[in-house]
Amino acid sequence: MPRKHNFDKQPHLKKEVAKMYAEGKTIAEIEQELKIKFPNAQASRTSIHRFIQRVKPLLELKQAGLLSDEDFDLMTQSQNIALLTNGLLMELFAEWQEKGEIEEKRLTSFYLL
């Protein structure tokens, strides 16, 4: 399953990074400001870069005025759900290959997602 970064655990960081990126700040500047504002965030340059690359098209649409803040939040949440679903599906497939069957509770949790 994909590793969950602090941005996925703390949504206010996403908004802060998106705002700073929209202002034209570099990844290094964003990292420094996050360390000052949120000392427990543990946001590395790599995780900031990955987040920006993942949501860059959405940020461009938002800057053009085609997306509202609510739409941006909804779409980033949808991306996270898709990543979790893909990870769980790969786990189910691996279990099926190893055992020849899948536990009912794991299958139910996949359907609920």
PDB file of N, CA and C in Angstrom:
ATOM      1  N   MET A   1       0.843  -1.173   0.000  1.00  0.00           N
ATOM      2  CA  MET A   1       0.000   0.000   0.000  1.00  0.00           C
ATOM      3  C   MET A   1       0.891   1.239   0.000  1.00  0.00           C
ATOM      4  N   PRO A   2       0.493   2.301  -0.700  1.00  0.00           N
ATOM      5  CA  PRO A   2       1.323   3.503  -0.754  1.00  0.00           C
ATOM      6  C   PRO A   2       1.547   4.107   0.628  1.00  0.00           C
ATOM      7  N   ARG A   3       2.741   4.668   0.812  1.00  0.00           N
ATOM      8  CA  ARG A   3       3.060   5.299   2.087  1.00  0.00           C
ATOM      9  C   ARG A   3       2.236   6.570   2.250  1.00  0.00           C
ATOM     10  N   LYS A   4       1.718   6.743   3.450  1.00  0.00           N
ATOM     11  CA  LYS A   4       0.872   7.904   3.714  1.00  0.00           C
ATOM     12  C   LYS A   4       1.731   9.020   4.304  1.00  0.00           C
ATOM     13  N   HIS A   5       1.802  10.132   3.592  1.00  0.00           N
ATOM     14  CA  HIS A   5       2.603  11.263   4.047  1.00  0.00           C
ATOM     15  C   HIS A   5       1.807  12.107   5.022  1.00  0.00           C
ATOM     16  N   ASN A   6       2.502  12.998   5.707  1.00  0.00           N
ATOM     17  CA  ASN A   6       1.853  13.888   6.660  1.00  0.00           C
ATOM     18  C   ASN A   6       0.796  14.759   6.008  1.00  0.00           C
ATOM     19  N   PHE A   7       0.936  15.037   4.723  1.00  0.00           N
ATOM     20  CA  PHE A   7      -0.059  15.859   4.047  1.00  0.00           C
ATOM     21  C   PHE A   7      -1.414  15.163   4.033  1.00  0.00           C
ATOM     22  N   ASP A   8      -1.408  13.841   3.960  1.00  0.00           N
ATOM     23  CA  ASP A   8      -2.663  13.101   3.956  1.00  0.00           C
ATOM     24  C   ASP A   8      -3.259  13.005   5.355  1.00  0.00           C
ATOM     25  N   LYS A   9      -2.425  13.095   6.362  1.00  0.00           N
ATOM     26  CA  LYS A   9      -2.899  13.029   7.746  1.00  0.00           C
ATOM     27  C   LYS A   9      -3.309  14.401   8.275  1.00  0.00           C
ATOM     28  N   GLN A  10      -2.751  15.451   7.723  1.00  0.00           N
ATOM     29  CA  GLN A  10      -3.015  16.812   8.200  1.00  0.00           C
ATOM     30  C   GLN A  10      -3.434  17.694   7.025  1.00  0.00           C
ATOM     31  N   PRO A  11      -4.740  17.762   6.743  1.00  0.00           N
ATOM     32  CA  PRO A  11      -5.208  18.497   5.564  1.00  0.00           C
ATOM     33  C   PRO A  11      -4.866  19.986   5.559  1.00  0.00           C
ATOM     34  N   HIS A  12      -4.695  20.597   6.732  1.00  0.00           N
ATOM     35  CA  HIS A  12      -4.360  22.026   6.746  1.00  0.00           C
ATOM     36  C   HIS A  12      -2.989  22.278   6.111  1.00  0.00           C
ATOM     37  N   LEU A  13      -2.109  21.277   6.135  1.00  0.00           N
ATOM     38  CA  LEU A  13      -0.807  21.429   5.486  1.00  0.00           C
ATOM     39  C   LEU A  13      -0.956  21.518   3.970  1.00  0.00           C
ATOM     40  N   LYS A  14      -1.905  20.753   3.425  1.00  0.00           N
ATOM     41  CA  LYS A  14      -2.141  20.790   1.978  1.00  0.00           C
ATOM     42  C   LYS A  14      -2.521  22.197   1.537  1.00  0.00           C
ATOM     43  N   LYS A  15      -3.436  22.797   2.277  1.00  0.00           N
ATOM     44  CA  LYS A  15      -3.888  24.142   1.920  1.00  0.00           C
ATOM     45  C   LYS A  15      -2.739  25.139   2.024  1.00  0.00           C
ATOM     46  N   GLU A  16      -1.934  24.978   3.043  1.00  0.00           N
ATOM     47  CA  GLU A  16      -0.804  25.891   3.251  1.00  0.00           C
ATOM     48  C   GLU A  16       0.219  25.755   2.120  1.00  0.00           C
ATOM     49  N   VAL A  17       0.544  24.511   1.751  1.00  0.00           N
ATOM     50  CA  VAL A  17       1.505  24.282   0.669  1.00  0.00           C
ATOM     51  C   VAL A  17       0.948  24.797  -0.655  1.00  0.00           C
ATOM     52  N   ALA A  18      -0.324  24.535  -0.915  1.00  0.00           N
ATOM     53  CA  ALA A  18      -0.945  25.005  -2.160  1.00  0.00           C
ATOM     54  C   ALA A  18      -0.923  26.529  -2.233  1.00  0.00           C
ATOM     55  N   LYS A  19      -1.195  27.169  -1.096  1.00  0.00           N
ATOM     56  CA  LYS A  19      -1.196  28.635  -1.064  1.00  0.00           C
ATOM     57  C   LYS A  19       0.205  29.187  -1.323  1.00  0.00           C
ATOM     58  N   MET A  20       1.208  28.606  -0.667  1.00  0.00           N
ATOM     59  CA  MET A  20       2.582  29.078  -0.846  1.00  0.00           C
ATOM     60  C   MET A  20       3.072  28.825  -2.269  1.00  0.00           C
ATOM     61  N   TYR A  21       2.706  27.674  -2.837  1.00  0.00           N
ATOM     62  CA  TYR A  21       3.117  27.370  -4.209  1.00  0.00           C
ATOM     63  C   TYR A  21       2.466  28.346  -5.188  1.00  0.00           C
ATOM     64  N   ALA A  22       1.204  28.678  -4.933  1.00  0.00           N
ATOM     65  CA  ALA A  22       0.503  29.639  -5.796  1.00  0.00           C
ATOM     66  C   ALA A  22       1.149  31.021  -5.723  1.00  0.00           C
ATOM     67  N   GLU A  23       1.764  31.344  -4.580  1.00  0.00           N
ATOM     68  CA  GLU A  23       2.458  32.625  -4.425  1.00  0.00           C
ATOM     69  C   GLU A  23       3.806  32.634  -5.139  1.00  0.00           C
ATOM     70  N   GLY A  24       4.229  31.474  -5.653  1.00  0.00           N
ATOM     71  CA  GLY A  24       5.481  31.397  -6.400  1.00  0.00           C
ATOM     72  C   GLY A  24       6.691  31.033  -5.568  1.00  0.00           C
ATOM     73  N   LYS A  25       6.480  30.510  -4.376  1.00  0.00           N
ATOM     74  CA  LYS A  25       7.609  30.145  -3.517  1.00  0.00           C
ATOM     75  C   LYS A  25       8.212  28.823  -3.986  1.00  0.00           C
ATOM     76  N   THR A  26       9.510  28.673  -3.758  1.00  0.00           N
ATOM     77  CA  THR A  26      10.204  27.444  -4.137  1.00  0.00           C
ATOM     78  C   THR A  26       9.941  26.368  -3.089  1.00  0.00           C
ATOM     79  N   ILE A  27      10.306  25.141  -3.428  1.00  0.00           N
ATOM     80  CA  ILE A  27      10.106  24.025  -2.504  1.00  0.00           C
ATOM     81  C   ILE A  27      10.930  24.231  -1.237  1.00  0.00           C
ATOM     82  N   ALA A  28      12.145  24.747  -1.378  1.00  0.00           N
ATOM     83  CA  ALA A  28      12.995  25.011  -0.205  1.00  0.00           C
ATOM     84  C   ALA A  28      12.358  26.057   0.707  1.00  0.00           C
ATOM     85  N   GLU A  29      11.801  27.109   0.116  1.00  0.00           N
ATOM     86  CA  GLU A  29      11.137  28.142   0.920  1.00  0.00           C
ATOM     87  C   GLU A  29       9.894  27.585   1.610  1.00  0.00           C
ATOM     88  N   ILE A  30       9.161  26.758   0.894  1.00  0.00           N
ATOM     89  CA  ILE A  30       7.960  26.143   1.483  1.00  0.00           C
ATOM     90  C   ILE A  30       8.352  25.265   2.660  1.00  0.00           C
ATOM     91  N   GLU A  31       9.421  24.480   2.482  1.00  0.00           N
ATOM     92  CA  GLU A  31       9.884  23.605   3.561  1.00  0.00           C
ATOM     93  C   GLU A  31      10.265  24.416   4.799  1.00  0.00           C
ATOM     94  N   GLN A  32      11.004  25.513   4.606  1.00  0.00           N
ATOM     95  CA  GLN A  32      11.426  26.340   5.736  1.00  0.00           C
ATOM     96  C   GLN A  32      10.230  26.950   6.464  1.00  0.00           C
ATOM     97  N   GLU A  33       9.268  27.461   5.707  1.00  0.00           N
ATOM     98  CA  GLU A  33       8.094  28.070   6.338  1.00  0.00           C
ATOM     99  C   GLU A  33       7.249  27.041   7.082  1.00  0.00           C
ATOM    100  N   LEU A  34       7.141  25.836   6.520  1.00  0.00           N
ATOM    101  CA  LEU A  34       6.384  24.787   7.214  1.00  0.00           C
ATOM    102  C   LEU A  34       7.071  24.393   8.517  1.00  0.00           C
ATOM    103  N   LYS A  35       8.404  24.336   8.497  1.00  0.00           N
ATOM    104  CA  LYS A  35       9.142  24.001   9.719  1.00  0.00           C
ATOM    105  C   LYS A  35       8.927  25.051  10.800  1.00  0.00           C
ATOM    106  N   ILE A  36       8.779  26.295  10.389  1.00  0.00           N
ATOM    107  CA  ILE A  36       8.556  27.370  11.360  1.00  0.00           C
ATOM    108  C   ILE A  36       7.119  27.349  11.872  1.00  0.00           C
ATOM    109  N   LYS A  37       6.162  27.264  10.946  1.00  0.00           N
ATOM    110  CA  LYS A  37       4.746  27.320  11.331  1.00  0.00           C
ATOM    111  C   LYS A  37       4.261  26.041  12.006  1.00  0.00           C
ATOM    112  N   PHE A  38       4.720  24.888  11.505  1.00  0.00           N
ATOM    113  CA  PHE A  38       4.271  23.591  12.016  1.00  0.00           C
ATOM    114  C   PHE A  38       5.489  22.722  12.314  1.00  0.00           C
ATOM    115  N   PRO A  39       6.105  22.881  13.475  1.00  0.00           N
ATOM    116  CA  PRO A  39       7.336  22.137  13.777  1.00  0.00           C
ATOM    117  C   PRO A  39       7.157  20.616  13.794  1.00  0.00           C
ATOM    118  N   ASN A  40       5.951  20.141  14.066  1.00  0.00           N
ATOM    119  CA  ASN A  40       5.721  18.697  14.121  1.00  0.00           C
ATOM    120  C   ASN A  40       5.317  18.103  12.778  1.00  0.00           C
ATOM    121  N   ALA A  41       5.278  18.899  11.736  1.00  0.00           N
ATOM    122  CA  ALA A  41       4.783  18.431  10.436  1.00  0.00           C
ATOM    123  C   ALA A  41       5.723  17.432   9.767  1.00  0.00           C
ATOM    124  N   GLN A  42       7.016  17.560   9.959  1.00  0.00           N
ATOM    125  CA  GLN A  42       8.008  16.680   9.349  1.00  0.00           C
ATOM    126  C   GLN A  42       7.842  16.600   7.835  1.00  0.00           C
ATOM    127  N   ALA A  43       7.621  17.727   7.202  1.00  0.00           N
ATOM    128  CA  ALA A  43       7.450  17.771   5.752  1.00  0.00           C
ATOM    129  C   ALA A  43       8.808  17.952   5.091  1.00  0.00           C
ATOM    130  N   SER A  44       9.225  16.957   4.342  1.00  0.00           N
ATOM    131  CA  SER A  44      10.505  17.041   3.640  1.00  0.00           C
ATOM    132  C   SER A  44      10.303  17.651   2.258  1.00  0.00           C
ATOM    133  N   ARG A  45      11.408  18.015   1.647  1.00  0.00           N
ATOM    134  CA  ARG A  45      11.323  18.562   0.287  1.00  0.00           C
ATOM    135  C   ARG A  45      10.734  17.529  -0.667  1.00  0.00           C
ATOM    136  N   THR A  46      11.087  16.271  -0.446  1.00  0.00           N
ATOM    137  CA  THR A  46      10.580  15.209  -1.315  1.00  0.00           C
ATOM    138  C   THR A  46       9.072  15.085  -1.207  1.00  0.00           C
ATOM    139  N   SER A  47       8.551  15.088   0.018  1.00  0.00           N
ATOM    140  CA  SER A  47       7.102  14.950   0.178  1.00  0.00           C
ATOM    141  C   SER A  47       6.367  16.176  -0.354  1.00  0.00           C
ATOM    142  N   ILE A  48       6.965  17.350  -0.195  1.00  0.00           N
ATOM    143  CA  ILE A  48       6.362  18.570  -0.746  1.00  0.00           C
ATOM    144  C   ILE A  48       6.341  18.485  -2.271  1.00  0.00           C
ATOM    145  N   HIS A  49       7.466  18.057  -2.854  1.00  0.00           N
ATOM    146  CA  HIS A  49       7.547  17.931  -4.312  1.00  0.00           C
ATOM    147  C   HIS A  49       6.516  16.926  -4.832  1.00  0.00           C
ATOM    148  N   ARG A  50       6.407  15.775  -4.172  1.00  0.00           N
ATOM    149  CA  ARG A  50       5.424  14.765  -4.599  1.00  0.00           C
ATOM    150  C   ARG A  50       4.009  15.311  -4.526  1.00  0.00           C
ATOM    151  N   PHE A  51       3.708  16.016  -3.458  1.00  0.00           N
ATOM    152  CA  PHE A  51       2.368  16.587  -3.313  1.00  0.00           C
ATOM    153  C   PHE A  51       2.091  17.595  -4.423  1.00  0.00           C
ATOM    154  N   ILE A  52       3.055  18.472  -4.684  1.00  0.00           N
ATOM    155  CA  ILE A  52       2.864  19.489  -5.722  1.00  0.00           C
ATOM    156  C   ILE A  52       2.691  18.830  -7.090  1.00  0.00           C
ATOM    157  N   GLN A  53       3.499  17.819  -7.392  1.00  0.00           N
ATOM    158  CA  GLN A  53       3.374  17.140  -8.682  1.00  0.00           C
ATOM    159  C   GLN A  53       2.017  16.452  -8.825  1.00  0.00           C
ATOM    160  N   ARG A  54       1.518  15.923  -7.722  1.00  0.00           N
ATOM    161  CA  ARG A  54       0.236  15.217  -7.760  1.00  0.00           C
ATOM    162  C   ARG A  54      -0.925  16.178  -7.983  1.00  0.00           C
ATOM    163  N   VAL A  55      -0.851  17.370  -7.414  1.00  0.00           N
ATOM    164  CA  VAL A  55      -1.986  18.300  -7.499  1.00  0.00           C
ATOM    165  C   VAL A  55      -1.722  19.497  -8.416  1.00  0.00           C
ATOM    166  N   LYS A  56      -0.608  19.488  -9.125  1.00  0.00           N
ATOM    167  CA  LYS A  56      -0.263  20.626  -9.986  1.00  0.00           C
ATOM    168  C   LYS A  56      -1.363  20.957 -11.003  1.00  0.00           C
ATOM    169  N   PRO A  57      -1.942  19.967 -11.697  1.00  0.00           N
ATOM    170  CA  PRO A  57      -3.027  20.318 -12.631  1.00  0.00           C
ATOM    171  C   PRO A  57      -4.221  20.968 -11.929  1.00  0.00           C
ATOM    172  N   LEU A  58      -4.516  20.499 -10.727  1.00  0.00           N
ATOM    173  CA  LEU A  58      -5.626  21.086  -9.973  1.00  0.00           C
ATOM    174  C   LEU A  58      -5.299  22.514  -9.553  1.00  0.00           C
ATOM    175  N   LEU A  59      -4.047  22.750  -9.163  1.00  0.00           N
ATOM    176  CA  LEU A  59      -3.634  24.100  -8.772  1.00  0.00           C
ATOM    177  C   LEU A  59      -3.717  25.064  -9.954  1.00  0.00           C
ATOM    178  N   GLU A  60      -3.347  24.575 -11.135  1.00  0.00           N
ATOM    179  CA  GLU A  60      -3.424  25.431 -12.323  1.00  0.00           C
ATOM    180  C   GLU A  60      -4.873  25.779 -12.650  1.00  0.00           C
ATOM    181  N   LEU A  61      -5.778  24.792 -12.511  1.00  0.00           N
ATOM    182  CA  LEU A  61      -7.200  25.065 -12.736  1.00  0.00           C
ATOM    183  C   LEU A  61      -7.741  26.042 -11.698  1.00  0.00           C
ATOM    184  N   LYS A  62      -7.267  25.895 -10.468  1.00  0.00           N
ATOM    185  CA  LYS A  62      -7.709  26.794  -9.398  1.00  0.00           C
ATOM    186  C   LYS A  62      -7.232  28.220  -9.670  1.00  0.00           C
ATOM    187  N   GLN A  63      -5.987  28.371 -10.119  1.00  0.00           N
ATOM    188  CA  GLN A  63      -5.454  29.700 -10.427  1.00  0.00           C
ATOM    189  C   GLN A  63      -6.190  30.339 -11.596  1.00  0.00           C
ATOM    190  N   ALA A  64      -6.655  29.503 -12.531  1.00  0.00           N
ATOM    191  CA  ALA A  64      -7.397  30.025 -13.682  1.00  0.00           C
ATOM    192  C   ALA A  64      -8.835  30.378 -13.317  1.00  0.00           C
ATOM    193  N   GLY A  65      -9.248  30.021 -12.109  1.00  0.00           N
ATOM    194  CA  GLY A  65     -10.595  30.339 -11.657  1.00  0.00           C
ATOM    195  C   GLY A  65     -11.629  29.295 -12.035  1.00  0.00           C
ATOM    196  N   LEU A  66     -11.177  28.131 -12.509  1.00  0.00           N
ATOM    197  CA  LEU A  66     -12.102  27.075 -12.914  1.00  0.00           C
ATOM    198  C   LEU A  66     -12.461  26.136 -11.770  1.00  0.00           C
ATOM    199  N   LEU A  67     -11.711  26.204 -10.675  1.00  0.00           N
ATOM    200  CA  LEU A  67     -11.981  25.380  -9.494  1.00  0.00           C
ATOM    201  C   LEU A  67     -12.087  26.271  -8.266  1.00  0.00           C
ATOM    202  N   SER A  68     -13.025  25.935  -7.399  1.00  0.00           N
ATOM    203  CA  SER A  68     -13.116  26.644  -6.122  1.00  0.00           C
ATOM    204  C   SER A  68     -12.280  25.893  -5.085  1.00  0.00           C
ATOM    205  N   ASP A  69     -12.141  26.464  -3.900  1.00  0.00           N
ATOM    206  CA  ASP A  69     -11.406  25.792  -2.825  1.00  0.00           C
ATOM    207  C   ASP A  69     -12.057  24.467  -2.461  1.00  0.00           C
ATOM    208  N   GLU A  70     -13.389  24.436  -2.447  1.00  0.00           N
ATOM    209  CA  GLU A  70     -14.112  23.213  -2.100  1.00  0.00           C
ATOM    210  C   GLU A  70     -13.870  22.128  -3.145  1.00  0.00           C
ATOM    211  N   ASP A  71     -13.865  22.512  -4.424  1.00  0.00           N
ATOM    212  CA  ASP A  71     -13.596  21.547  -5.493  1.00  0.00           C
ATOM    213  C   ASP A  71     -12.184  20.993  -5.371  1.00  0.00           C
ATOM    214  N   PHE A  72     -11.231  21.863  -5.057  1.00  0.00           N
ATOM    215  CA  PHE A  72      -9.839  21.442  -4.902  1.00  0.00           C
ATOM    216  C   PHE A  72      -9.719  20.419  -3.779  1.00  0.00           C
ATOM    217  N   ASP A  73     -10.337  20.706  -2.625  1.00  0.00           N
ATOM    218  CA  ASP A  73     -10.290  19.779  -1.494  1.00  0.00           C
ATOM    219  C   ASP A  73     -10.918  18.441  -1.853  1.00  0.00           C
ATOM    220  N   LEU A  74     -12.057  18.487  -2.528  1.00  0.00           N
ATOM    221  CA  LEU A  74     -12.756  17.261  -2.907  1.00  0.00           C
ATOM    222  C   LEU A  74     -11.920  16.416  -3.858  1.00  0.00           C
ATOM    223  N   MET A  75     -11.286  17.048  -4.824  1.00  0.00           N
ATOM    224  CA  MET A  75     -10.489  16.299  -5.800  1.00  0.00           C
ATOM    225  C   MET A  75      -9.226  15.714  -5.184  1.00  0.00           C
ATOM    226  N   THR A  76      -8.584  16.421  -4.259  1.00  0.00           N
ATOM    227  CA  THR A  76      -7.403  15.853  -3.606  1.00  0.00           C
ATOM    228  C   THR A  76      -7.806  14.687  -2.718  1.00  0.00           C
ATOM    229  N   GLN A  77      -8.962  14.768  -2.074  1.00  0.00           N
ATOM    230  CA  GLN A  77      -9.453  13.642  -1.280  1.00  0.00           C
ATOM    231  C   GLN A  77      -9.762  12.455  -2.182  1.00  0.00           C
ATOM    232  N   SER A  78     -10.315  12.703  -3.358  1.00  0.00           N
ATOM    233  CA  SER A  78     -10.617  11.631  -4.304  1.00  0.00           C
ATOM    234  C   SER A  78      -9.340  10.931  -4.750  1.00  0.00           C
ATOM    235  N   GLN A  79      -8.266  11.681  -4.950  1.00  0.00           N
ATOM    236  CA  GLN A  79      -6.990  11.076  -5.327  1.00  0.00           C
ATOM    237  C   GLN A  79      -6.481  10.169  -4.217  1.00  0.00           C
ATOM    238  N   ASN A  80      -6.622  10.606  -2.970  1.00  0.00           N
ATOM    239  CA  ASN A  80      -6.174   9.792  -1.843  1.00  0.00           C
ATOM    240  C   ASN A  80      -6.978   8.504  -1.753  1.00  0.00           C
ATOM    241  N   ILE A  81      -8.283   8.592  -1.956  1.00  0.00           N
ATOM    242  CA  ILE A  81      -9.131   7.402  -1.912  1.00  0.00           C
ATOM    243  C   ILE A  81      -8.747   6.443  -3.033  1.00  0.00           C
ATOM    244  N   ALA A  82      -8.453   6.977  -4.213  1.00  0.00           N
ATOM    245  CA  ALA A  82      -8.045   6.130  -5.333  1.00  0.00           C
ATOM    246  C   ALA A  82      -6.732   5.410  -5.026  1.00  0.00           C
ATOM    247  N   LEU A  83      -5.779   6.097  -4.397  1.00  0.00           N
ATOM    248  CA  LEU A  83      -4.511   5.465  -4.029  1.00  0.00           C
ATOM    249  C   LEU A  83      -4.724   4.349  -3.016  1.00  0.00           C
ATOM    250  N   LEU A  84      -5.567   4.596  -2.022  1.00  0.00           N
ATOM    251  CA  LEU A  84      -5.860   3.572  -1.022  1.00  0.00           C
ATOM    252  C   LEU A  84      -6.553   2.370  -1.650  1.00  0.00           C
ATOM    253  N   THR A  85      -7.482   2.628  -2.554  1.00  0.00           N
ATOM    254  CA  THR A  85      -8.206   1.548  -3.221  1.00  0.00           C
ATOM    255  C   THR A  85      -7.257   0.697  -4.054  1.00  0.00           C
ATOM    256  N   ASN A  86      -6.364   1.332  -4.793  1.00  0.00           N
ATOM    257  CA  ASN A  86      -5.392   0.575  -5.594  1.00  0.00           C
ATOM    258  C   ASN A  86      -4.485  -0.274  -4.714  1.00  0.00           C
ATOM    259  N   GLY A  87      -4.038   0.280  -3.596  1.00  0.00           N
ATOM    260  CA  GLY A  87      -3.189  -0.474  -2.681  1.00  0.00           C
ATOM    261  C   GLY A  87      -3.903  -1.674  -2.099  1.00  0.00           C
ATOM    262  N   LEU A  88      -5.153  -1.482  -1.692  1.00  0.00           N
ATOM    263  CA  LEU A  88      -5.931  -2.589  -1.135  1.00  0.00           C
ATOM    264  C   LEU A  88      -6.209  -3.646  -2.195  1.00  0.00           C
ATOM    265  N   LEU A  89      -6.473  -3.223  -3.414  1.00  0.00           N
ATOM    266  CA  LEU A  89      -6.716  -4.164  -4.503  1.00  0.00           C
ATOM    267  C   LEU A  89      -5.476  -5.008  -4.784  1.00  0.00           C
ATOM    268  N   MET A  90      -4.290  -4.398  -4.732  1.00  0.00           N
ATOM    269  CA  MET A  90      -3.054  -5.156  -4.941  1.00  0.00           C
ATOM    270  C   MET A  90      -2.847  -6.164  -3.817  1.00  0.00           C
ATOM    271  N   GLU A  91      -3.182  -5.784  -2.579  1.00  0.00           N
ATOM    272  CA  GLU A  91      -3.076  -6.717  -1.458  1.00  0.00           C
ATOM    273  C   GLU A  91      -4.029  -7.893  -1.634  1.00  0.00           C
ATOM    274  N   LEU A  92      -5.253  -7.610  -2.063  1.00  0.00           N
ATOM    275  CA  LEU A  92      -6.232  -8.675  -2.284  1.00  0.00           C
ATOM    276  C   LEU A  92      -5.766  -9.619  -3.388  1.00  0.00           C
ATOM    277  N   PHE A  93      -5.217  -9.071  -4.447  1.00  0.00           N
ATOM    278  CA  PHE A  93      -4.731  -9.892  -5.547  1.00  0.00           C
ATOM    279  C   PHE A  93      -3.576 -10.777  -5.089  1.00  0.00           C
ATOM    280  N   ALA A  94      -2.661 -10.219  -4.296  1.00  0.00           N
ATOM    281  CA  ALA A  94      -1.528 -11.001  -3.784  1.00  0.00           C
ATOM    282  C   ALA A  94      -2.017 -12.119  -2.872  1.00  0.00           C
ATOM    283  N   GLU A  95      -2.997 -11.821  -2.027  1.00  0.00           N
ATOM    284  CA  GLU A  95      -3.551 -12.847  -1.136  1.00  0.00           C
ATOM    285  C   GLU A  95      -4.220 -13.956  -1.944  1.00  0.00           C
ATOM    286  N   TRP A  96      -4.931 -13.582  -2.991  1.00  0.00           N
ATOM    287  CA  TRP A  96      -5.608 -14.570  -3.824  1.00  0.00           C
ATOM    288  C   TRP A  96      -4.589 -15.464  -4.526  1.00  0.00           C
ATOM    289  N   GLN A  97      -3.468 -14.870  -4.983  1.00  0.00           N
ATOM    290  CA  GLN A  97      -2.429 -15.664  -5.634  1.00  0.00           C
ATOM    291  C   GLN A  97      -1.760 -16.619  -4.656  1.00  0.00           C
ATOM    292  N   GLU A  98      -1.540 -16.174  -3.419  1.00  0.00           N
ATOM    293  CA  GLU A  98      -0.857 -17.004  -2.431  1.00  0.00           C
ATOM    294  C   GLU A  98      -1.751 -18.110  -1.889  1.00  0.00           C
ATOM    295  N   LYS A  99      -2.984 -17.757  -1.521  1.00  0.00           N
ATOM    296  CA  LYS A  99      -3.867 -18.695  -0.829  1.00  0.00           C
ATOM    297  C   LYS A  99      -4.932 -19.318  -1.728  1.00  0.00           C
ATOM    298  N   GLY A 100      -5.208 -18.679  -2.847  1.00  0.00           N
ATOM    299  CA  GLY A 100      -6.266 -19.170  -3.719  1.00  0.00           C
ATOM    300  C   GLY A 100      -7.646 -18.711  -3.290  1.00  0.00           C
ATOM    301  N   GLU A 101      -7.705 -17.926  -2.222  1.00  0.00           N
ATOM    302  CA  GLU A 101      -8.979 -17.379  -1.751  1.00  0.00           C
ATOM    303  C   GLU A 101      -8.712 -16.061  -1.026  1.00  0.00           C
ATOM    304  N   ILE A 102      -9.782 -15.319  -0.802  1.00  0.00           N
ATOM    305  CA  ILE A 102      -9.671 -14.025  -0.128  1.00  0.00           C
ATOM    306  C   ILE A 102     -10.590 -14.039   1.083  1.00  0.00           C
ATOM    307  N   GLU A 103     -10.078 -13.523   2.211  1.00  0.00           N
ATOM    308  CA  GLU A 103     -10.904 -13.443   3.420  1.00  0.00           C
ATOM    309  C   GLU A 103     -12.117 -12.556   3.170  1.00  0.00           C
ATOM    310  N   GLU A 104     -13.249 -12.972   3.701  1.00  0.00           N
ATOM    311  CA  GLU A 104     -14.503 -12.247   3.484  1.00  0.00           C
ATOM    312  C   GLU A 104     -14.444 -10.826   4.045  1.00  0.00           C
ATOM    313  N   LYS A 105     -13.832 -10.656   5.226  1.00  0.00           N
ATOM    314  CA  LYS A 105     -13.796  -9.319   5.833  1.00  0.00           C
ATOM    315  C   LYS A 105     -12.936  -8.352   5.020  1.00  0.00           C
ATOM    316  N   ARG A 106     -11.863  -8.838   4.404  1.00  0.00           N
ATOM    317  CA  ARG A 106     -11.027  -7.970   3.562  1.00  0.00           C
ATOM    318  C   ARG A 106     -11.768  -7.576   2.291  1.00  0.00           C
ATOM    319  N   LEU A 107     -12.517  -8.517   1.749  1.00  0.00           N
ATOM    320  CA  LEU A 107     -13.302  -8.225   0.550  1.00  0.00           C
ATOM    321  C   LEU A 107     -14.403  -7.219   0.862  1.00  0.00           C
ATOM    322  N   THR A 108     -15.017  -7.365   2.027  1.00  0.00           N
ATOM    323  CA  THR A 108     -16.062  -6.428   2.446  1.00  0.00           C
ATOM    324  C   THR A 108     -15.485  -5.029   2.633  1.00  0.00           C
ATOM    325  N   SER A 109     -14.306  -4.933   3.244  1.00  0.00           N
ATOM    326  CA  SER A 109     -13.694  -3.612   3.441  1.00  0.00           C
ATOM    327  C   SER A 109     -13.347  -2.967   2.098  1.00  0.00           C
ATOM    328  N   PHE A 110     -12.971  -3.780   1.120  1.00  0.00           N
ATOM    329  CA  PHE A 110     -12.691  -3.237  -0.213  1.00  0.00           C
ATOM    330  C   PHE A 110     -13.965  -2.695  -0.853  1.00  0.00           C
ATOM    331  N   TYR A 111     -15.065  -3.427  -0.725  1.00  0.00           N
ATOM    332  CA  TYR A 111     -16.337  -2.974  -1.301  1.00  0.00           C
ATOM    333  C   TYR A 111     -16.833  -1.697  -0.631  1.00  0.00           C
ATOM    334  N   LEU A 112     -16.589  -1.566   0.664  1.00  0.00           N
ATOM    335  CA  LEU A 112     -17.044  -0.374   1.381  1.00  0.00           C
ATOM    336  C   LEU A 112     -16.251   0.869   0.992  1.00  0.00           C
ATOM    337  N   LEU A 113     -15.030   0.654   0.541  1.00  0.00           N
ATOM    338  CA  LEU A 113     -14.195   1.797   0.165  1.00  0.00           C
ATOM    339  C   LEU A 113     -14.684   2.377  -1.138  1.00  0.00           C
TER     340      LEU A 113
END
